[in-house]
Structure formats: C-alpha cells, structure tokens
PDB file of N, CA and C in Angstrom:
ATOM      1  N   MET A   1      66.689 -55.979  11.354  1.00  0.00           N
ATOM      2  CA  MET A   1      67.071 -55.518  10.036  1.00  0.00           C
ATOM      3  C   MET A   1      68.152 -54.448  10.204  1.00  0.00           C
ATOM      4  N   SER A   2      69.192 -54.565   9.400  1.00  0.00           N
ATOM      5  CA  SER A   2      70.285 -53.606   9.500  1.00  0.00           C
ATOM      6  C   SER A   2      69.914 -52.297   8.809  1.00  0.00           C
ATOM      7  N   PHE A   3      70.677 -51.279   9.121  1.00  0.00           N
ATOM      8  CA  PHE A   3      70.438 -49.958   8.538  1.00  0.00           C
ATOM      9  C   PHE A   3      70.597 -49.987   7.022  1.00  0.00           C
ATOM     10  N   SER A   4      71.617 -50.693   6.530  1.00  0.00           N
ATOM     11  CA  SER A   4      71.840 -50.745   5.082  1.00  0.00           C
ATOM     12  C   SER A   4      70.697 -51.464   4.371  1.00  0.00           C
ATOM     13  N   GLU A   5      70.151 -52.509   4.989  1.00  0.00           N
ATOM     14  CA  GLU A   5      68.996 -53.200   4.393  1.00  0.00           C
ATOM     15  C   GLU A   5      67.781 -52.273   4.354  1.00  0.00           C
ATOM     16  N   LEU A   6      67.590 -51.539   5.432  1.00  0.00           N
ATOM     17  CA  LEU A   6      66.460 -50.612   5.502  1.00  0.00           C
ATOM     18  C   LEU A   6      66.585 -49.524   4.437  1.00  0.00           C
ATOM     19  N   VAL A   7      67.778 -48.974   4.276  1.00  0.00           N
ATOM     20  CA  VAL A   7      67.998 -47.932   3.265  1.00  0.00           C
ATOM     21  C   VAL A   7      67.756 -48.498   1.863  1.00  0.00           C
ATOM     22  N   THR A   8      68.205 -49.714   1.621  1.00  0.00           N
ATOM     23  CA  THR A   8      67.995 -50.351   0.322  1.00  0.00           C
ATOM     24  C   THR A   8      66.510 -50.551   0.048  1.00  0.00           C
ATOM     25  N   ILE A   9      65.788 -51.046   1.026  1.00  0.00           N
ATOM     26  CA  ILE A   9      64.356 -51.301   0.861  1.00  0.00           C
ATOM     27  C   ILE A   9      63.606 -49.988   0.646  1.00  0.00           C
ATOM     28  N   ILE A  10      63.882 -49.001   1.468  1.00  0.00           N
ATOM     29  CA  ILE A  10      63.216 -47.702   1.315  1.00  0.00           C
ATOM     30  C   ILE A  10      63.559 -47.092  -0.038  1.00  0.00           C
ATOM     31  N   GLY A  11      64.810 -47.230  -0.451  1.00  0.00           N
ATOM     32  CA  GLY A  11      65.220 -46.709  -1.750  1.00  0.00           C
ATOM     33  C   GLY A  11      64.489 -47.376  -2.896  1.00  0.00           C
ATOM     34  N   CYS A  12      64.383 -48.691  -2.873  1.00  0.00           N
ATOM     35  CA  CYS A  12      63.685 -49.416  -3.948  1.00  0.00           C
ATOM     36  C   CYS A  12      62.214 -49.039  -4.003  1.00  0.00           C
ATOM     37  N   PHE A  13      61.551 -49.064  -2.863  1.00  0.00           N
ATOM     38  CA  PHE A  13      60.124 -48.732  -2.827  1.00  0.00           C
ATOM     39  C   PHE A  13      59.910 -47.272  -3.209  1.00  0.00           C
ATOM     40  N   GLY A  14      60.783 -46.405  -2.704  1.00  0.00           N
ATOM     41  CA  GLY A  14      60.667 -44.987  -3.003  1.00  0.00           C
ATOM     42  C   GLY A  14      60.889 -44.686  -4.472  1.00  0.00           C
ATOM     43  N   VAL A  15      61.850 -45.359  -5.089  1.00  0.00           N
ATOM     44  CA  VAL A  15      62.120 -45.146  -6.516  1.00  0.00           C
ATOM     45  C   VAL A  15      60.912 -45.564  -7.352  1.00  0.00           C
ATOM     46  N   CYS A  16      60.282 -46.682  -7.001  1.00  0.00           N
ATOM     47  CA  CYS A  16      59.065 -47.103  -7.719  1.00  0.00           C
ATOM     48  C   CYS A  16      57.985 -46.036  -7.576  1.00  0.00           C
ATOM     49  N   GLY A  17      57.789 -45.546  -6.362  1.00  0.00           N
ATOM     50  CA  GLY A  17      56.782 -44.516  -6.135  1.00  0.00           C
ATOM     51  C   GLY A  17      57.070 -43.243  -6.911  1.00  0.00           C
ATOM     52  N   VAL A  18      58.322 -42.812  -6.894  1.00  0.00           N
ATOM     53  CA  VAL A  18      58.709 -41.595  -7.612  1.00  0.00           C
ATOM     54  C   VAL A  18      58.522 -41.781  -9.117  1.00  0.00           C
ATOM     55  N   ALA A  19      58.895 -42.939  -9.637  1.00  0.00           N
ATOM     56  CA  ALA A  19      58.761 -43.185 -11.079  1.00  0.00           C
ATOM     57  C   ALA A  19      57.297 -43.126 -11.502  1.00  0.00           C
ATOM     58  N   PHE A  20      56.424 -43.804 -10.775  1.00  0.00           N
ATOM     59  CA  PHE A  20      55.007 -43.803 -11.136  1.00  0.00           C
ATOM     60  C   PHE A  20      54.389 -42.424 -10.945  1.00  0.00           C
ATOM     61  N   ALA A  21      54.749 -41.733  -9.887  1.00  0.00           N
ATOM     62  CA  ALA A  21      54.216 -40.381  -9.668  1.00  0.00           C
ATOM     63  C   ALA A  21      54.701 -39.424 -10.757  1.00  0.00           C
ATOM     64  N   ALA A  22      55.947 -39.560 -11.171  1.00  0.00           N
ATOM     65  CA  ALA A  22      56.486 -38.694 -12.236  1.00  0.00           C
ATOM     66  C   ALA A  22      55.747 -38.913 -13.550  1.00  0.00           C
ATOM     67  N   ILE A  23      55.450 -40.164 -13.867  1.00  0.00           N
ATOM     68  CA  ILE A  23      54.683 -40.442 -15.090  1.00  0.00           C
ATOM     69  C   ILE A  23      53.298 -39.814 -14.972  1.00  0.00           C
ATOM     70  N   GLY A  24      52.689 -39.907 -13.792  1.00  0.00           N
ATOM     71  CA  GLY A  24      51.375 -39.311 -13.579  1.00  0.00           C
ATOM     72  C   GLY A  24      51.385 -37.799 -13.718  1.00  0.00           C
ATOM     73  N   ILE A  25      52.372 -37.158 -13.139  1.00  0.00           N
ATOM     74  CA  ILE A  25      52.484 -35.699 -13.242  1.00  0.00           C
ATOM     75  C   ILE A  25      52.751 -35.292 -14.695  1.00  0.00           C
ATOM     76  N   TRP A  26      53.575 -36.065 -15.376  1.00  0.00           N
ATOM     77  CA  TRP A  26      53.847 -35.792 -16.788  1.00  0.00           C
ATOM     78  C   TRP A  26      52.556 -35.897 -17.599  1.00  0.00           C
ATOM     79  N   ALA A  27      51.745 -36.912 -17.305  1.00  0.00           N
ATOM     80  CA  ALA A  27      50.468 -37.069 -18.018  1.00  0.00           C
ATOM     81  C   ALA A  27      49.548 -35.882 -17.747  1.00  0.00           C
ATOM     82  N   LEU A  28      49.532 -35.400 -16.514  1.00  0.00           N
ATOM     83  CA  LEU A  28      48.678 -34.261 -16.168  1.00  0.00           C
ATOM     84  C   LEU A  28      49.100 -32.985 -16.898  1.00  0.00           C
ATOM     85  N   CYS A  29      50.386 -32.843 -17.166  1.00  0.00           N
ATOM     86  CA  CYS A  29      50.911 -31.617 -17.768  1.00  0.00           C
ATOM     87  C   CYS A  29      50.929 -31.634 -19.295  1.00  0.00           C
ATOM     88  N   ARG A  30      50.725 -32.778 -19.889  1.00  0.00           N
ATOM     89  CA  ARG A  30      50.804 -32.880 -21.357  1.00  0.00           C
ATOM     90  C   ARG A  30      49.628 -32.195 -22.034  1.00  0.00           C
ATOM     91  N   LYS A  31      49.909 -31.606 -23.178  1.00  0.00           N
ATOM     92  CA  LYS A  31      48.862 -30.999 -24.004  1.00  0.00           C
ATOM     93  C   LYS A  31      48.365 -31.984 -25.051  1.00  0.00           C
ATOM     94  N   THR A  32      49.217 -32.944 -25.419  1.00  0.00           N
ATOM     95  CA  THR A  32      48.827 -33.983 -26.368  1.00  0.00           C
ATOM     96  C   THR A  32      48.484 -35.246 -25.576  1.00  0.00           C
ATOM     97  N   PRO A  33      47.747 -36.173 -26.173  1.00  0.00           N
ATOM     98  CA  PRO A  33      47.351 -37.368 -25.427  1.00  0.00           C
ATOM     99  C   PRO A  33      48.544 -38.188 -24.923  1.00  0.00           C
ATOM    100  N   MET A  34      48.436 -38.612 -23.691  1.00  0.00           N
ATOM    101  CA  MET A  34      49.463 -39.450 -23.072  1.00  0.00           C
ATOM    102  C   MET A  34      49.364 -40.857 -23.641  1.00  0.00           C
ATOM    103  N   HIS A  35      50.488 -41.419 -24.043  1.00  0.00           N
ATOM    104  CA  HIS A  35      50.501 -42.789 -24.543  1.00  0.00           C
ATOM    105  C   HIS A  35      50.905 -43.732 -23.414  1.00  0.00           C
ATOM    106  N   PHE A  36      50.535 -44.972 -23.544  1.00  0.00           N
ATOM    107  CA  PHE A  36      50.825 -45.962 -22.505  1.00  0.00           C
ATOM    108  C   PHE A  36      51.947 -46.890 -22.918  1.00  0.00           C
ATOM    109  N   TRP A  37      51.916 -47.353 -24.138  1.00  0.00           N
ATOM    110  CA  TRP A  37      52.888 -48.336 -24.604  1.00  0.00           C
ATOM    111  C   TRP A  37      54.159 -47.636 -25.075  1.00  0.00           C
ATOM    112  N   ALA A  38      55.288 -48.219 -24.786  1.00  0.00           N
ATOM    113  CA  ALA A  38      56.569 -47.664 -25.216  1.00  0.00           C
ATOM    114  C   ALA A  38      56.638 -47.642 -26.740  1.00  0.00           C
ATOM    115  N   GLY A  39      57.018 -46.510 -27.282  1.00  0.00           N
ATOM    116  CA  GLY A  39      57.180 -46.379 -28.717  1.00  0.00           C
ATOM    117  C   GLY A  39      55.894 -46.091 -29.475  1.00  0.00           C
ATOM    118  N   SER A  40      54.770 -46.048 -28.777  1.00  0.00           N
ATOM    119  CA  SER A  40      53.507 -45.773 -29.461  1.00  0.00           C
ATOM    120  C   SER A  40      53.071 -44.337 -29.192  1.00  0.00           C
ATOM    121  N   THR A  41      52.149 -43.861 -29.994  1.00  0.00           N
ATOM    122  CA  THR A  41      51.557 -42.547 -29.775  1.00  0.00           C
ATOM    123  C   THR A  41      50.049 -42.673 -29.905  1.00  0.00           C
ATOM    124  N   VAL A  42      49.352 -41.728 -29.308  1.00  0.00           N
ATOM    125  CA  VAL A  42      47.898 -41.665 -29.410  1.00  0.00           C
ATOM    126  C   VAL A  42      47.570 -40.364 -30.119  1.00  0.00           C
ATOM    127  N   SER A  43      46.869 -40.471 -31.207  1.00  0.00           N
ATOM    128  CA  SER A  43      46.505 -39.294 -31.989  1.00  0.00           C
ATOM    129  C   SER A  43      45.415 -38.502 -31.276  1.00  0.00           C
ATOM    130  N   ALA A  44      45.551 -37.179 -31.265  1.00  0.00           N
ATOM    131  CA  ALA A  44      44.545 -36.312 -30.645  1.00  0.00           C
ATOM    132  C   ALA A  44      43.199 -36.444 -31.345  1.00  0.00           C
ATOM    133  N   GLU A  45      43.215 -36.816 -32.617  1.00  0.00           N
ATOM    134  CA  GLU A  45      41.964 -36.986 -33.349  1.00  0.00           C
ATOM    135  C   GLU A  45      41.187 -38.210 -32.873  1.00  0.00           C
ATOM    136  N   LYS A  46      41.877 -39.148 -32.247  1.00  0.00           N
ATOM    137  CA  LYS A  46      41.220 -40.365 -31.779  1.00  0.00           C
ATOM    138  C   LYS A  46      40.663 -40.229 -30.354  1.00  0.00           C
ATOM    139  N   ILE A  47      40.939 -39.097 -29.687  1.00  0.00           N
ATOM    140  CA  ILE A  47      40.513 -38.883 -28.303  1.00  0.00           C
ATOM    141  C   ILE A  47      39.476 -37.762 -28.282  1.00  0.00           C
ATOM    142  N   SER A  48      38.346 -38.017 -27.612  1.00  0.00           N
ATOM    143  CA  SER A  48      37.258 -37.033 -27.594  1.00  0.00           C
ATOM    144  C   SER A  48      37.583 -35.817 -26.734  1.00  0.00           C
ATOM    145  N   ASN A  49      38.291 -35.999 -25.617  1.00  0.00           N
ATOM    146  CA  ASN A  49      38.638 -34.901 -24.725  1.00  0.00           C
ATOM    147  C   ASN A  49      40.035 -35.168 -24.168  1.00  0.00           C
ATOM    148  N   VAL A  50      41.038 -34.557 -24.773  1.00  0.00           N
ATOM    149  CA  VAL A  50      42.434 -34.832 -24.422  1.00  0.00           C
ATOM    150  C   VAL A  50      42.726 -34.462 -22.971  1.00  0.00           C
ATOM    151  N   LYS A  51      42.200 -33.345 -22.504  1.00  0.00           N
ATOM    152  CA  LYS A  51      42.484 -32.905 -21.138  1.00  0.00           C
ATOM    153  C   LYS A  51      41.964 -33.918 -20.108  1.00  0.00           C
ATOM    154  N   LYS A  52      40.732 -34.381 -20.295  1.00  0.00           N
ATOM    155  CA  LYS A  52      40.164 -35.366 -19.359  1.00  0.00           C
ATOM    156  C   LYS A  52      40.844 -36.727 -19.508  1.00  0.00           C
ATOM    157  N   TYR A  53      41.217 -37.068 -20.721  1.00  0.00           N
ATOM    158  CA  TYR A  53      41.941 -38.316 -20.975  1.00  0.00           C
ATOM    159  C   TYR A  53      43.274 -38.313 -20.223  1.00  0.00           C
ATOM    160  N   ASN A  54      44.024 -37.207 -20.337  1.00  0.00           N
ATOM    161  CA  ASN A  54      45.300 -37.099 -19.626  1.00  0.00           C
ATOM    162  C   ASN A  54      45.101 -37.034 -18.121  1.00  0.00           C
ATOM    163  N   LEU A  55      44.022 -36.396 -17.672  1.00  0.00           N
ATOM    164  CA  LEU A  55      43.714 -36.360 -16.241  1.00  0.00           C
ATOM    165  C   LEU A  55      43.490 -37.775 -15.717  1.00  0.00           C
ATOM    166  N   ALA A  56      42.701 -38.565 -16.434  1.00  0.00           N
ATOM    167  CA  ALA A  56      42.443 -39.948 -16.023  1.00  0.00           C
ATOM    168  C   ALA A  56      43.741 -40.762 -16.010  1.00  0.00           C
ATOM    169  N   ASN A  57      44.580 -40.577 -17.023  1.00  0.00           N
ATOM    170  CA  ASN A  57      45.869 -41.271 -17.054  1.00  0.00           C
ATOM    171  C   ASN A  57      46.759 -40.854 -15.888  1.00  0.00           C
ATOM    172  N   GLY A  58      46.823 -39.559 -15.626  1.00  0.00           N
ATOM    173  CA  GLY A  58      47.648 -39.070 -14.521  1.00  0.00           C
ATOM    174  C   GLY A  58      47.187 -39.609 -13.177  1.00  0.00           C
ATOM    175  N   ILE A  59      45.888 -39.601 -12.961  1.00  0.00           N
ATOM    176  CA  ILE A  59      45.344 -40.135 -11.705  1.00  0.00           C
ATOM    177  C   ILE A  59      45.663 -41.622 -11.580  1.00  0.00           C
ATOM    178  N   MET A  60      45.542 -42.362 -12.676  1.00  0.00           N
ATOM    179  CA  MET A  60      45.846 -43.795 -12.666  1.00  0.00           C
ATOM    180  C   MET A  60      47.289 -44.041 -12.204  1.00  0.00           C
ATOM    181  N   TRP A  61      48.225 -43.286 -12.763  1.00  0.00           N
ATOM    182  CA  TRP A  61      49.635 -43.478 -12.405  1.00  0.00           C
ATOM    183  C   TRP A  61      49.924 -43.018 -10.974  1.00  0.00           C
ATOM    184  N   ILE A  62      49.336 -41.916 -10.568  1.00  0.00           N
ATOM    185  CA  ILE A  62      49.588 -41.414  -9.211  1.00  0.00           C
ATOM    186  C   ILE A  62      49.010 -42.365  -8.167  1.00  0.00           C
ATOM    187  N   ILE A  63      47.827 -42.903  -8.410  1.00  0.00           N
ATOM    188  CA  ILE A  63      47.257 -43.879  -7.480  1.00  0.00           C
ATOM    189  C   ILE A  63      48.164 -45.104  -7.373  1.00  0.00           C
ATOM    190  N   THR A  64      48.748 -45.514  -8.485  1.00  0.00           N
ATOM    191  CA  THR A  64      49.662 -46.660  -8.465  1.00  0.00           C
ATOM    192  C   THR A  64      50.911 -46.367  -7.643  1.00  0.00           C
ATOM    193  N   SER A  65      51.323 -45.112  -7.576  1.00  0.00           N
ATOM    194  CA  SER A  65      52.530 -44.767  -6.809  1.00  0.00           C
ATOM    195  C   SER A  65      52.294 -44.787  -5.296  1.00  0.00           C
ATOM    196  N   LEU A  66      51.071 -44.586  -4.856  1.00  0.00           N
ATOM    197  CA  LEU A  66      50.792 -44.423  -3.428  1.00  0.00           C
ATOM    198  C   LEU A  66      51.179 -45.628  -2.563  1.00  0.00           C
ATOM    199  N   PRO A  67      50.858 -46.870  -2.951  1.00  0.00           N
ATOM    200  CA  PRO A  67      51.288 -47.990  -2.103  1.00  0.00           C
ATOM    201  C   PRO A  67      52.804 -48.097  -1.968  1.00  0.00           C
ATOM    202  N   TYR A  68      53.543 -47.730  -3.006  1.00  0.00           N
ATOM    203  CA  TYR A  68      55.000 -47.793  -2.929  1.00  0.00           C
ATOM    204  C   TYR A  68      55.542 -46.728  -1.969  1.00  0.00           C
ATOM    205  N   PHE A  69      54.988 -45.523  -2.029  1.00  0.00           N
ATOM    206  CA  PHE A  69      55.388 -44.495  -1.062  1.00  0.00           C
ATOM    207  C   PHE A  69      55.045 -44.923   0.354  1.00  0.00           C
ATOM    208  N   ALA A  70      53.835 -45.471   0.530  1.00  0.00           N
ATOM    209  CA  ALA A  70      53.412 -45.926   1.859  1.00  0.00           C
ATOM    210  C   ALA A  70      54.338 -47.020   2.375  1.00  0.00           C
ATOM    211  N   SER A  71      54.700 -47.961   1.510  1.00  0.00           N
ATOM    212  CA  SER A  71      55.576 -49.050   1.951  1.00  0.00           C
ATOM    213  C   SER A  71      56.958 -48.531   2.334  1.00  0.00           C
ATOM    214  N   ALA A  72      57.458 -47.523   1.631  1.00  0.00           N
ATOM    215  CA  ALA A  72      58.767 -46.955   1.973  1.00  0.00           C
ATOM    216  C   ALA A  72      58.728 -46.302   3.343  1.00  0.00           C
ATOM    217  N   ILE A  73      57.641 -45.603   3.647  1.00  0.00           N
ATOM    218  CA  ILE A  73      57.526 -44.938   4.951  1.00  0.00           C
ATOM    219  C   ILE A  73      57.304 -45.962   6.059  1.00  0.00           C
ATOM    220  N   ILE A  74      56.412 -46.900   5.807  1.00  0.00           N
ATOM    221  CA  ILE A  74      56.074 -47.894   6.838  1.00  0.00           C
ATOM    222  C   ILE A  74      57.247 -48.828   7.122  1.00  0.00           C
ATOM    223  N   ALA A  75      58.125 -49.046   6.137  1.00  0.00           N
ATOM    224  CA  ALA A  75      59.291 -49.921   6.337  1.00  0.00           C
ATOM    225  C   ALA A  75      60.178 -49.426   7.472  1.00  0.00           C
ATOM    226  N   CYS A  76      60.140 -48.123   7.747  1.00  0.00           N
ATOM    227  CA  CYS A  76      60.934 -47.574   8.853  1.00  0.00           C
ATOM    228  C   CYS A  76      60.460 -48.098  10.206  1.00  0.00           C
ATOM    229  N   PHE A  77      59.208 -48.488  10.277  1.00  0.00           N
ATOM    230  CA  PHE A  77      58.620 -48.887  11.549  1.00  0.00           C
ATOM    231  C   PHE A  77      58.268 -50.369  11.619  1.00  0.00           C
ATOM    232  N   ASP A  78      57.755 -50.919  10.526  1.00  0.00           N
ATOM    233  CA  ASP A  78      57.310 -52.309  10.526  1.00  0.00           C
ATOM    234  C   ASP A  78      57.502 -52.893   9.124  1.00  0.00           C
ATOM    235  N   PHE A  79      58.570 -53.663   8.970  1.00  0.00           N
ATOM    236  CA  PHE A  79      58.903 -54.199   7.657  1.00  0.00           C
ATOM    237  C   PHE A  79      57.811 -55.114   7.118  1.00  0.00           C
ATOM    238  N   ASN A  80      57.270 -55.988   7.969  1.00  0.00           N
ATOM    239  CA  ASN A  80      56.252 -56.930   7.508  1.00  0.00           C
ATOM    240  C   ASN A  80      54.999 -56.207   7.015  1.00  0.00           C
ATOM    241  N   LEU A  81      54.607 -55.165   7.705  1.00  0.00           N
ATOM    242  CA  LEU A  81      53.456 -54.390   7.258  1.00  0.00           C
ATOM    243  C   LEU A  81      53.753 -53.691   5.929  1.00  0.00           C
ATOM    244  N   SER A  82      54.988 -53.257   5.758  1.00  0.00           N
ATOM    245  CA  SER A  82      55.344 -52.588   4.495  1.00  0.00           C
ATOM    246  C   SER A  82      55.235 -53.543   3.315  1.00  0.00           C
ATOM    247  N   LEU A  83      55.480 -54.829   3.546  1.00  0.00           N
ATOM    248  CA  LEU A  83      55.358 -55.807   2.463  1.00  0.00           C
ATOM    249  C   LEU A  83      53.925 -55.931   1.968  1.00  0.00           C
ATOM    250  N   ILE A  84      52.961 -55.731   2.854  1.00  0.00           N
ATOM    251  CA  ILE A  84      51.560 -55.744   2.440  1.00  0.00           C
ATOM    252  C   ILE A  84      51.321 -54.634   1.422  1.00  0.00           C
ATOM    253  N   PHE A  85      51.887 -53.461   1.682  1.00  0.00           N
ATOM    254  CA  PHE A  85      51.722 -52.343   0.751  1.00  0.00           C
ATOM    255  C   PHE A  85      52.478 -52.576  -0.556  1.00  0.00           C
ATOM    256  N   VAL A  86      53.587 -53.281  -0.482  1.00  0.00           N
ATOM    257  CA  VAL A  86      54.303 -53.635  -1.706  1.00  0.00           C
ATOM    258  C   VAL A  86      53.412 -54.528  -2.569  1.00  0.00           C
ATOM    259  N   TRP A  87      52.786 -55.516  -1.974  1.00  0.00           N
ATOM    260  CA  TRP A  87      51.900 -56.411  -2.737  1.00  0.00           C
ATOM    261  C   TRP A  87      50.688 -55.662  -3.279  1.00  0.00           C
ATOM    262  N   ILE A  88      50.184 -54.702  -2.522  1.00  0.00           N
ATOM    263  CA  ILE A  88      49.103 -53.856  -3.041  1.00  0.00           C
ATOM    264  C   ILE A  88      49.616 -53.072  -4.260  1.00  0.00           C
ATOM    265  N   GLY A  89      50.835 -52.557  -4.166  1.00  0.00           N
ATOM    266  CA  GLY A  89      51.443 -51.846  -5.292  1.00  0.00           C
ATOM    267  C   GLY A  89      51.622 -52.742  -6.500  1.00  0.00           C
ATOM    268  N   VAL A  90      52.033 -53.976  -6.282  1.00  0.00           N
ATOM    269  CA  VAL A  90      52.181 -54.925  -7.386  1.00  0.00           C
ATOM    270  C   VAL A  90      50.815 -55.169  -8.036  1.00  0.00           C
ATOM    271  N   GLY A  91      49.783 -55.308  -7.204  1.00  0.00           N
ATOM    272  CA  GLY A  91      48.430 -55.472  -7.743  1.00  0.00           C
ATOM    273  C   GLY A  91      48.001 -54.270  -8.562  1.00  0.00           C
ATOM    274  N   CYS A  92      48.287 -53.069  -8.050  1.00  0.00           N
ATOM    275  CA  CYS A  92      47.962 -51.847  -8.810  1.00  0.00           C
ATOM    276  C   CYS A  92      48.723 -51.812 -10.122  1.00  0.00           C
ATOM    277  N   THR A  93      49.975 -52.224 -10.100  1.00  0.00           N
ATOM    278  CA  THR A  93      50.795 -52.229 -11.305  1.00  0.00           C
ATOM    279  C   THR A  93      50.216 -53.192 -12.339  1.00  0.00           C
ATOM    280  N   LEU A  94      49.770 -54.357 -11.887  1.00  0.00           N
ATOM    281  CA  LEU A  94      49.173 -55.326 -12.802  1.00  0.00           C
ATOM    282  C   LEU A  94      47.851 -54.813 -13.376  1.00  0.00           C
ATOM    283  N   LEU A  95      47.172 -53.958 -12.638  1.00  0.00           N
ATOM    284  CA  LEU A  95      45.900 -53.406 -13.105  1.00  0.00           C
ATOM    285  C   LEU A  95      46.067 -52.231 -14.073  1.00  0.00           C
ATOM    286  N   LEU A  96      47.290 -51.736 -14.237  1.00  0.00           N
ATOM    287  CA  LEU A  96      47.507 -50.596 -15.126  1.00  0.00           C
ATOM    288  C   LEU A  96      46.999 -50.850 -16.544  1.00  0.00           C
ATOM    289  N   ILE A  97      47.278 -52.010 -17.083  1.00  0.00           N
ATOM    290  CA  ILE A  97      46.888 -52.288 -18.473  1.00  0.00           C
ATOM    291  C   ILE A  97      45.367 -52.296 -18.637  1.00  0.00           C
ATOM    292  N   PRO A  98      44.615 -53.072 -17.840  1.00  0.00           N
ATOM    293  CA  PRO A  98      43.157 -53.033 -18.043  1.00  0.00           C
ATOM    294  C   PRO A  98      42.544 -51.669 -17.735  1.00  0.00           C
ATOM    295  N   VAL A  99      43.089 -50.962 -16.755  1.00  0.00           N
ATOM    296  CA  VAL A  99      42.553 -49.627 -16.449  1.00  0.00           C
ATOM    297  C   VAL A  99      42.843 -48.674 -17.604  1.00  0.00           C
ATOM    298  N   TYR A 100      44.062 -48.730 -18.156  1.00  0.00           N
ATOM    299  CA  TYR A 100      44.370 -47.880 -19.298  1.00  0.00           C
ATOM    300  C   TYR A 100      43.452 -48.209 -20.477  1.00  0.00           C
ATOM    301  N   MET A 101      43.241 -49.489 -20.734  1.00  0.00           N
ATOM    302  CA  MET A 101      42.366 -49.876 -21.847  1.00  0.00           C
ATOM    303  C   MET A 101      40.958 -49.319 -21.642  1.00  0.00           C
ATOM    304  N   LEU A 102      40.490 -49.300 -20.404  1.00  0.00           N
ATOM    305  CA  LEU A 102      39.181 -48.725 -20.102  1.00  0.00           C
ATOM    306  C   LEU A 102      39.185 -47.216 -20.353  1.00  0.00           C
ATOM    307  N   ILE A 103      40.224 -46.541 -19.898  1.00  0.00           N
ATOM    308  CA  ILE A 103      40.346 -45.088 -20.123  1.00  0.00           C
ATOM    309  C   ILE A 103      40.360 -44.800 -21.620  1.00  0.00           C
ATOM    310  N   TYR A 104      41.144 -45.554 -22.366  1.00  0.00           N
ATOM    311  CA  TYR A 104      41.218 -45.341 -23.818  1.00  0.00           C
ATOM    312  C   TYR A 104      39.854 -45.563 -24.463  1.00  0.00           C
ATOM    313  N   LYS A 105      39.168 -46.610 -24.023  1.00  0.00           N
ATOM    314  CA  LYS A 105      37.849 -46.898 -24.589  1.00  0.00           C
ATOM    315  C   LYS A 105      36.845 -45.781 -24.264  1.00  0.00           C
ATOM    316  N   LEU A 106      36.903 -45.264 -23.039  1.00  0.00           N
ATOM    317  CA  LEU A 106      35.975 -44.213 -22.636  1.00  0.00           C
ATOM    318  C   LEU A 106      36.166 -42.919 -23.432  1.00  0.00           C
ATOM    319  N   PHE A 107      37.418 -42.613 -23.769  1.00  0.00           N
ATOM    320  CA  PHE A 107      37.711 -41.322 -24.404  1.00  0.00           C
ATOM    321  C   PHE A 107      37.998 -41.427 -25.908  1.00  0.00           C
ATOM    322  N   SER A 108      37.978 -42.631 -26.463  1.00  0.00           N
ATOM    323  CA  SER A 108      38.254 -42.740 -27.896  1.00  0.00           C
ATOM    324  C   SER A 108      37.026 -42.366 -28.709  1.00  0.00           C
ATOM    325  N   VAL A 109      37.301 -41.747 -29.841  1.00  0.00           N
ATOM    326  CA  VAL A 109      36.239 -41.371 -30.767  1.00  0.00           C
ATOM    327  C   VAL A 109      35.916 -42.585 -31.612  1.00  0.00           C
ATOM    328  N   VAL A 110      34.667 -42.930 -31.644  1.00  0.00           N
ATOM    329  CA  VAL A 110      34.250 -44.136 -32.388  1.00  0.00           C
ATOM    330  C   VAL A 110      33.956 -43.807 -33.816  1.00  0.00           C
TER     331      VAL A 110
END
C-alpha cells in the first residue's frame, strides 16, 4: 500500500471517528435534550431526566466512534485487520437508530 493510500484511509476512518465523537461530546455538554433526527427537536417536557438522557446519547455516539479510531490506528500496521474494525464501525452505525429509540423510550415521560 502506498503512502498516499494509507493517508487517505487513515483520514477517512479518522474523520468518521472524529465526527461521531464530536456528536457524543456535544450531547454530553447540552443542557437541553439531544435530538437524533435532522431537523427535529426533543422537548424537555417529554424527557424524565435530561442529564441522563444526554449522557446515554453521548455514550452511544462515542462508542460508535471507537471502531473508526481503532481502524485508523491499526491501518498503519495491518490494513486487513483495520477493515474488520471498519465493519464493526458500520455495524455500530447501523445500530444507532434502534439504540436511540431504546434510549428515548427509557427516558420519555409516558
């Protein structure tokens, strides 16, 4: 693998990791409920504990970022092994919606 290919791969994986981690940190720092869907909002009146709700959201996003960071680091040493972490990251990304729905259900006021 050439140096330019390696830099491109590390950059792509790293950008995904940074984006997901940034969303997670933003969720942890918010005072109002973190929303998941673009253009939507979650009313504080609909959430039983906003701080714990945002904590759960932040953890969800940060956990999703970890395989992408791992794949970027591992790509420096073993590209094929890094692809395993990319697929784990894709799986985590696909799980975001059901996990968020569970978090919303746990913290929503009935």
